[in-house]
Amino acid sequence: MRKNFFDNPPTQCVDLPAGGRRMNVILYTTPTCRYCGIAKQFLAERGIGFTEYDISKDHQKMAELVSRTGRASVPVIEIDGDFIVGFDKHRLAKKLGL
């Protein structure tokens, strides 16, 4: 039986080689966020590893996210210190060099 991606989402950060550089990808999520699931699937389907923080459980990460972005909305995708708030497939693909 094939496992569904959402049964075992990646939690280890794996750098992405894009255009000869290594990239660090972090995804801030909540369990009820539909677009968080879409963002996870987008990254997984392209073999992009990432670290995921569930800000509904990790209040320190939520405070850090609000401090750094001024927002508490999800998904937020951080790539090498740059933030994409919300799931924007085209902007995300461009930033990742896809």
Protein backbone atom coordinates (compact mmCIF):
# COMPACT_ATOMS: atom_id res chain seq x y z
CA MET A 1 0.00 0.00 0.00
CA ARG A 2 1.34 3.41 -1.00
CA LYS A 3 1.60 5.86 1.89
CA ASN A 4 -0.06 9.20 1.58
CA PHE A 5 2.34 12.16 1.96
CA PHE A 6 0.21 13.62 4.73
CA ASP A 7 0.56 10.42 6.82
CA ASN A 8 4.27 11.12 7.26
CA PRO A 9 5.24 14.69 6.30
CA PRO A 10 8.95 15.53 6.26
CA THR A 11 10.22 17.28 9.36
CA GLN A 12 13.95 17.29 8.67
CA CYS A 13 15.46 20.23 6.85
CA VAL A 14 17.20 19.23 3.66
CA ASP A 15 18.98 21.94 1.73
CA LEU A 16 17.89 22.39 -1.85
CA PRO A 17 20.51 22.87 -4.53
CA ALA A 18 19.04 25.52 -6.84
CA GLY A 19 21.18 27.21 -9.43
CA GLY A 20 24.33 25.90 -7.77
CA ARG A 21 23.39 27.23 -4.30
CA ARG A 22 22.06 25.49 -1.23
CA MET A 23 18.77 26.73 0.19
CA ASN A 24 17.22 26.32 3.63
CA VAL A 25 13.42 25.92 3.51
CA ILE A 26 11.17 26.31 6.56
CA LEU A 27 7.39 25.96 6.50
CA TYR A 28 5.19 27.44 9.26
CA THR A 29 1.80 25.72 9.44
CA THR A 30 -1.28 24.82 11.47
CA PRO A 31 -3.17 21.51 11.18
CA THR A 32 -6.42 23.12 9.97
CA CYS A 33 -4.82 25.24 7.24
CA ARG A 34 -5.81 23.93 3.81
CA TYR A 35 -3.10 25.89 1.98
CA CYS A 36 -0.46 24.56 4.40
CA GLY A 37 -1.25 21.07 3.12
CA ILE A 38 -1.06 22.28 -0.47
CA ALA A 39 2.32 23.93 0.23
CA LYS A 40 3.66 20.70 1.83
CA GLN A 41 2.47 18.68 -1.15
CA PHE A 42 4.01 21.17 -3.61
CA LEU A 43 7.40 20.90 -1.90
CA ALA A 44 7.24 17.12 -1.45
CA GLU A 45 6.26 16.45 -5.08
CA ARG A 46 9.36 18.33 -6.17
CA GLY A 47 11.64 16.53 -3.72
CA ILE A 48 12.28 19.65 -1.67
CA GLY A 49 13.05 18.94 1.96
CA PHE A 50 11.93 21.39 4.60
CA THR A 51 11.57 21.90 8.31
CA GLU A 52 7.97 22.30 9.44
CA TYR A 53 6.84 24.21 12.52
CA ASP A 54 3.22 23.88 13.67
CA ILE A 55 2.68 27.30 15.23
CA SER A 56 -0.56 26.16 16.90
CA LYS A 57 1.60 23.99 19.18
CA ASP A 58 4.93 25.82 19.15
CA HIS A 59 4.17 29.21 20.68
CA GLN A 60 7.82 30.25 20.63
CA LYS A 61 7.92 29.77 16.85
CA MET A 62 4.65 31.68 16.52
CA ALA A 63 6.08 34.63 18.46
CA GLU A 64 9.25 34.47 16.35
CA LEU A 65 7.19 34.41 13.14
CA VAL A 66 5.09 37.42 14.20
CA SER A 67 8.23 39.28 15.25
CA ARG A 68 9.94 38.63 11.91
CA THR A 69 6.97 39.05 9.52
CA GLY A 70 4.43 41.08 11.47
CA ARG A 71 1.86 38.34 10.79
CA ALA A 72 0.50 35.19 12.39
CA SER A 73 -1.17 33.83 9.25
CA VAL A 74 -0.15 30.56 7.60
CA PRO A 75 1.30 29.11 5.53
CA VAL A 76 4.52 31.05 5.68
CA ILE A 77 7.45 29.67 3.72
CA GLU A 78 10.89 30.91 4.66
CA ILE A 79 13.65 30.40 2.11
CA ASP A 80 17.11 31.54 3.18
CA GLY A 81 15.61 34.19 5.46
CA ASP A 82 13.13 35.52 2.88
CA PHE A 83 9.43 35.03 3.63
CA ILE A 84 6.53 34.14 1.36
CA VAL A 85 3.26 34.67 3.23
CA GLY A 86 0.49 32.48 1.85
CA PHE A 87 0.81 29.86 -0.87
CA ASP A 88 1.87 31.54 -4.12
CA LYS A 89 2.93 28.71 -6.43
CA HIS A 90 4.61 30.93 -9.02
CA ARG A 91 6.52 33.06 -6.52
CA LEU A 92 7.61 29.96 -4.61
CA ALA A 93 8.79 28.17 -7.75
CA LYS A 94 10.74 31.23 -8.84
CA LYS A 95 12.40 31.64 -5.43
CA LEU A 96 13.34 27.93 -5.44
CA GLY A 97 14.73 28.12 -8.96
CA LEU A 98 12.21 25.62 -10.37
